């Protein structure tokens, strides 16, 4: 599991370098997704 996490983090850093993102830009991109995911997680299953 730890090896998988390290590989993922390495891929993430490569992505960051290739697309010239700094940490702030990535956080701005990720934050809305995290918010949406947390709202969906708390949503009742019978809600359409």
PDB file of N, CA and C in Angstrom:
ATOM      1  N   UNK A   1       0.831  -1.203   0.000  1.00  0.00           N
ATOM      2  CA  UNK A   1       0.000   0.000   0.000  1.00  0.00           C
ATOM      3  C   UNK A   1       0.869   1.258   0.000  1.00  0.00           C
ATOM      4  N   UNK A   2       1.886   1.260   0.854  1.00  0.00           N
ATOM      5  CA  UNK A   2       2.764   2.437   0.917  1.00  0.00           C
ATOM      6  C   UNK A   2       3.478   2.645  -0.417  1.00  0.00           C
ATOM      7  N   UNK A   3       3.895   1.546  -1.054  1.00  0.00           N
ATOM      8  CA  UNK A   3       4.544   1.651  -2.361  1.00  0.00           C
ATOM      9  C   UNK A   3       3.589   2.291  -3.367  1.00  0.00           C
ATOM     10  N   UNK A   4       2.331   1.878  -3.343  1.00  0.00           N
ATOM     11  CA  UNK A   4       1.326   2.435  -4.252  1.00  0.00           C
ATOM     12  C   UNK A   4       1.160   3.939  -4.020  1.00  0.00           C
ATOM     13  N   UNK A   5       1.126   4.333  -2.754  1.00  0.00           N
ATOM     14  CA  UNK A   5       0.982   5.757  -2.426  1.00  0.00           C
ATOM     15  C   UNK A   5       2.183   6.540  -2.952  1.00  0.00           C
ATOM     16  N   UNK A   6       3.382   5.986  -2.770  1.00  0.00           N
ATOM     17  CA  UNK A   6       4.584   6.682  -3.248  1.00  0.00           C
ATOM     18  C   UNK A   6       4.571   6.816  -4.763  1.00  0.00           C
ATOM     19  N   UNK A   7       4.141   5.781  -5.473  1.00  0.00           N
ATOM     20  CA  UNK A   7       4.051   5.839  -6.935  1.00  0.00           C
ATOM     21  C   UNK A   7       3.041   6.912  -7.344  1.00  0.00           C
ATOM     22  N   UNK A   8       1.895   6.929  -6.667  1.00  0.00           N
ATOM     23  CA  UNK A   8       0.862   7.921  -6.976  1.00  0.00           C
ATOM     24  C   UNK A   8       1.383   9.331  -6.739  1.00  0.00           C
ATOM     25  N   UNK A   9       2.066   9.540  -5.623  1.00  0.00           N
ATOM     26  CA  UNK A   9       2.624  10.859  -5.335  1.00  0.00           C
ATOM     27  C   UNK A   9       3.679  11.243  -6.365  1.00  0.00           C
ATOM     28  N   UNK A  10       4.466  10.270  -6.812  1.00  0.00           N
ATOM     29  CA  UNK A  10       5.455  10.536  -7.852  1.00  0.00           C
ATOM     30  C   UNK A  10       4.786  10.948  -9.152  1.00  0.00           C
ATOM     31  N   UNK A  11       3.728  10.248  -9.529  1.00  0.00           N
ATOM     32  CA  UNK A  11       2.963  10.594 -10.736  1.00  0.00           C
ATOM     33  C   UNK A  11       2.375  11.992 -10.600  1.00  0.00           C
ATOM     34  N   UNK A  12       1.893  12.300  -9.405  1.00  0.00           N
ATOM     35  CA  UNK A  12       1.288  13.603  -9.142  1.00  0.00           C
ATOM     36  C   UNK A  12       2.330  14.710  -9.313  1.00  0.00           C
ATOM     37  N   UNK A  13       3.529  14.483  -8.802  1.00  0.00           N
ATOM     38  CA  UNK A  13       4.604  15.477  -8.952  1.00  0.00           C
ATOM     39  C   UNK A  13       4.970  15.637 -10.426  1.00  0.00           C
ATOM     40  N   UNK A  14       5.037  14.535 -11.165  1.00  0.00           N
ATOM     41  CA  UNK A  14       5.323  14.608 -12.601  1.00  0.00           C
ATOM     42  C   UNK A  14       4.259  15.429 -13.316  1.00  0.00           C
ATOM     43  N   UNK A  15       3.002  15.195 -12.970  1.00  0.00           N
ATOM     44  CA  UNK A  15       1.883  15.932 -13.551  1.00  0.00           C
ATOM     45  C   UNK A  15       2.033  17.420 -13.246  1.00  0.00           C
ATOM     46  N   UNK A  16       2.392  17.693 -11.985  1.00  0.00           N
ATOM     47  CA  UNK A  16       2.560  19.075 -11.540  1.00  0.00           C
ATOM     48  C   UNK A  16       3.632  19.774 -12.377  1.00  0.00           C
ATOM     49  N   UNK A  17       4.758  19.097 -12.588  1.00  0.00           N
ATOM     50  CA  UNK A  17       5.869  19.681 -13.340  1.00  0.00           C
ATOM     51  C   UNK A  17       5.484  19.872 -14.806  1.00  0.00           C
ATOM     52  N   UNK A  18       4.869  18.861 -15.403  1.00  0.00           N
ATOM     53  CA  UNK A  18       4.519  18.923 -16.825  1.00  0.00           C
ATOM     54  C   UNK A  18       3.532  20.048 -17.116  1.00  0.00           C
ATOM     55  N   UNK A  19       2.621  20.274 -16.201  1.00  0.00           N
ATOM     56  CA  UNK A  19       1.575  21.265 -16.443  1.00  0.00           C
ATOM     57  C   UNK A  19       1.834  22.584 -15.735  1.00  0.00           C
ATOM     58  N   UNK A  20       3.022  22.704 -15.125  1.00  0.00           N
ATOM     59  CA  UNK A  20       3.456  23.955 -14.510  1.00  0.00           C
ATOM     60  C   UNK A  20       2.470  24.454 -13.449  1.00  0.00           C
ATOM     61  N   UNK A  21       1.960  23.544 -12.643  1.00  0.00           N
ATOM     62  CA  UNK A  21       1.085  23.930 -11.539  1.00  0.00           C
ATOM     63  C   UNK A  21       1.916  24.079 -10.282  1.00  0.00           C
ATOM     64  N   UNK A  22       1.590  25.063  -9.473  1.00  0.00           N
ATOM     65  CA  UNK A  22       2.176  25.077  -8.140  1.00  0.00           C
ATOM     66  C   UNK A  22       1.124  24.554  -7.166  1.00  0.00           C
ATOM     67  N   UNK A  23       1.512  24.406  -5.900  1.00  0.00           N
ATOM     68  CA  UNK A  23       0.604  23.800  -4.924  1.00  0.00           C
ATOM     69  C   UNK A  23      -0.687  24.597  -4.760  1.00  0.00           C
ATOM     70  N   UNK A  24      -0.611  25.917  -4.820  1.00  0.00           N
ATOM     71  CA  UNK A  24      -1.804  26.749  -4.641  1.00  0.00           C
ATOM     72  C   UNK A  24      -2.813  26.501  -5.756  1.00  0.00           C
ATOM     73  N   UNK A  25      -2.340  26.435  -7.004  1.00  0.00           N
ATOM     74  CA  UNK A  25      -3.247  26.177  -8.125  1.00  0.00           C
ATOM     75  C   UNK A  25      -3.921  24.829  -7.979  1.00  0.00           C
ATOM     76  N   UNK A  26      -3.148  23.824  -7.571  1.00  0.00           N
ATOM     77  CA  UNK A  26      -3.717  22.490  -7.411  1.00  0.00           C
ATOM     78  C   UNK A  26      -4.759  22.473  -6.307  1.00  0.00           C
ATOM     79  N   UNK A  27      -4.487  23.153  -5.205  1.00  0.00           N
ATOM     80  CA  UNK A  27      -5.470  23.201  -4.116  1.00  0.00           C
ATOM     81  C   UNK A  27      -6.750  23.887  -4.576  1.00  0.00           C
ATOM     82  N   UNK A  28      -6.623  24.946  -5.359  1.00  0.00           N
ATOM     83  CA  UNK A  28      -7.811  25.636  -5.878  1.00  0.00           C
ATOM     84  C   UNK A  28      -8.628  24.732  -6.784  1.00  0.00           C
ATOM     85  N   UNK A  29      -7.942  23.867  -7.541  1.00  0.00           N
ATOM     86  CA  UNK A  29      -8.653  22.945  -8.431  1.00  0.00           C
ATOM     87  C   UNK A  29      -9.320  21.816  -7.647  1.00  0.00           C
ATOM     88  N   UNK A  30      -8.635  21.332  -6.610  1.00  0.00           N
ATOM     89  CA  UNK A  30      -9.101  20.157  -5.877  1.00  0.00           C
ATOM     90  C   UNK A  30     -10.193  20.502  -4.867  1.00  0.00           C
ATOM     91  N   UNK A  31     -10.134  21.682  -4.258  1.00  0.00           N
ATOM     92  CA  UNK A  31     -11.061  22.047  -3.179  1.00  0.00           C
ATOM     93  C   UNK A  31     -12.535  21.908  -3.570  1.00  0.00           C
ATOM     94  N   UNK A  32     -12.984  22.402  -4.740  1.00  0.00           N
ATOM     95  CA  UNK A  32     -14.406  22.242  -5.092  1.00  0.00           C
ATOM     96  C   UNK A  32     -14.818  20.778  -5.228  1.00  0.00           C
ATOM     97  N   UNK A  33     -13.910  19.950  -5.725  1.00  0.00           N
ATOM     98  CA  UNK A  33     -14.211  18.525  -5.872  1.00  0.00           C
ATOM     99  C   UNK A  33     -14.371  17.888  -4.495  1.00  0.00           C
ATOM    100  N   UNK A  34     -13.496  18.238  -3.573  1.00  0.00           N
ATOM    101  CA  UNK A  34     -13.575  17.698  -2.215  1.00  0.00           C
ATOM    102  C   UNK A  34     -14.880  18.122  -1.548  1.00  0.00           C
ATOM    103  N   UNK A  35     -15.279  19.369  -1.745  1.00  0.00           N
ATOM    104  CA  UNK A  35     -16.535  19.867  -1.172  1.00  0.00           C
ATOM    105  C   UNK A  35     -17.722  19.116  -1.749  1.00  0.00           C
ATOM    106  N   UNK A  36     -17.735  18.942  -3.066  1.00  0.00           N
ATOM    107  CA  UNK A  36     -18.829  18.242  -3.727  1.00  0.00           C
ATOM    108  C   UNK A  36     -18.898  16.790  -3.253  1.00  0.00           C
ATOM    109  N   UNK A  37     -17.747  16.142  -3.159  1.00  0.00           N
ATOM    110  CA  UNK A  37     -17.712  14.745  -2.725  1.00  0.00           C
ATOM    111  C   UNK A  37     -18.244  14.601  -1.308  1.00  0.00           C
ATOM    112  N   UNK A  38     -17.915  15.538  -0.433  1.00  0.00           N
ATOM    113  CA  UNK A  38     -18.393  15.436   0.948  1.00  0.00           C
ATOM    114  C   UNK A  38     -19.902  15.646   1.006  1.00  0.00           C
ATOM    115  N   UNK A  39     -20.442  16.499   0.130  1.00  0.00           N
ATOM    116  CA  UNK A  39     -21.899  16.706   0.098  1.00  0.00           C
ATOM    117  C   UNK A  39     -22.610  15.458  -0.412  1.00  0.00           C
ATOM    118  N   UNK A  40     -22.058  14.833  -1.437  1.00  0.00           N
ATOM    119  CA  UNK A  40     -22.653  13.617  -1.995  1.00  0.00           C
ATOM    120  C   UNK A  40     -22.620  12.494  -0.959  1.00  0.00           C
ATOM    121  N   UNK A  41     -21.521  12.405  -0.229  1.00  0.00           N
ATOM    122  CA  UNK A  41     -21.362  11.354   0.783  1.00  0.00           C
ATOM    123  C   UNK A  41     -22.465  11.456   1.846  1.00  0.00           C
ATOM    124  N   UNK A  42     -22.860  12.683   2.201  1.00  0.00           N
ATOM    125  CA  UNK A  42     -23.865  12.891   3.248  1.00  0.00           C
ATOM    126  C   UNK A  42     -25.298  12.872   2.717  1.00  0.00           C
ATOM    127  N   UNK A  43     -25.451  12.733   1.407  1.00  0.00           N
ATOM    128  CA  UNK A  43     -26.772  12.763   0.792  1.00  0.00           C
ATOM    129  C   UNK A  43     -27.509  11.437   1.033  1.00  0.00           C
ATOM    130  N   UNK A  44     -28.789  11.482   1.363  1.00  0.00           N
ATOM    131  CA  UNK A  44     -29.536  10.229   1.524  1.00  0.00           C
ATOM    132  C   UNK A  44     -29.638   9.479   0.193  1.00  0.00           C
ATOM    133  N   UNK A  45     -29.667   8.165   0.246  1.00  0.00           N
ATOM    134  CA  UNK A  45     -29.628   7.367  -0.980  1.00  0.00           C
ATOM    135  C   UNK A  45     -30.904   7.486  -1.808  1.00  0.00           C
ATOM    136  N   UNK A  46     -32.017   7.892  -1.198  1.00  0.00           N
ATOM    137  CA  UNK A  46     -33.276   8.000  -1.949  1.00  0.00           C
ATOM    138  C   UNK A  46     -33.496   9.399  -2.514  1.00  0.00           C
ATOM    139  N   UNK A  47     -32.480  10.233  -2.487  1.00  0.00           N
ATOM    140  CA  UNK A  47     -32.592  11.613  -2.973  1.00  0.00           C
ATOM    141  C   UNK A  47     -32.285  11.650  -4.471  1.00  0.00           C
ATOM    142  N   UNK A  48     -33.202  12.147  -5.274  1.00  0.00           N
ATOM    143  CA  UNK A  48     -32.964  12.248  -6.716  1.00  0.00           C
ATOM    144  C   UNK A  48     -32.926  13.678  -7.145  1.00  0.00           C
TER     145      UNK A  48
END
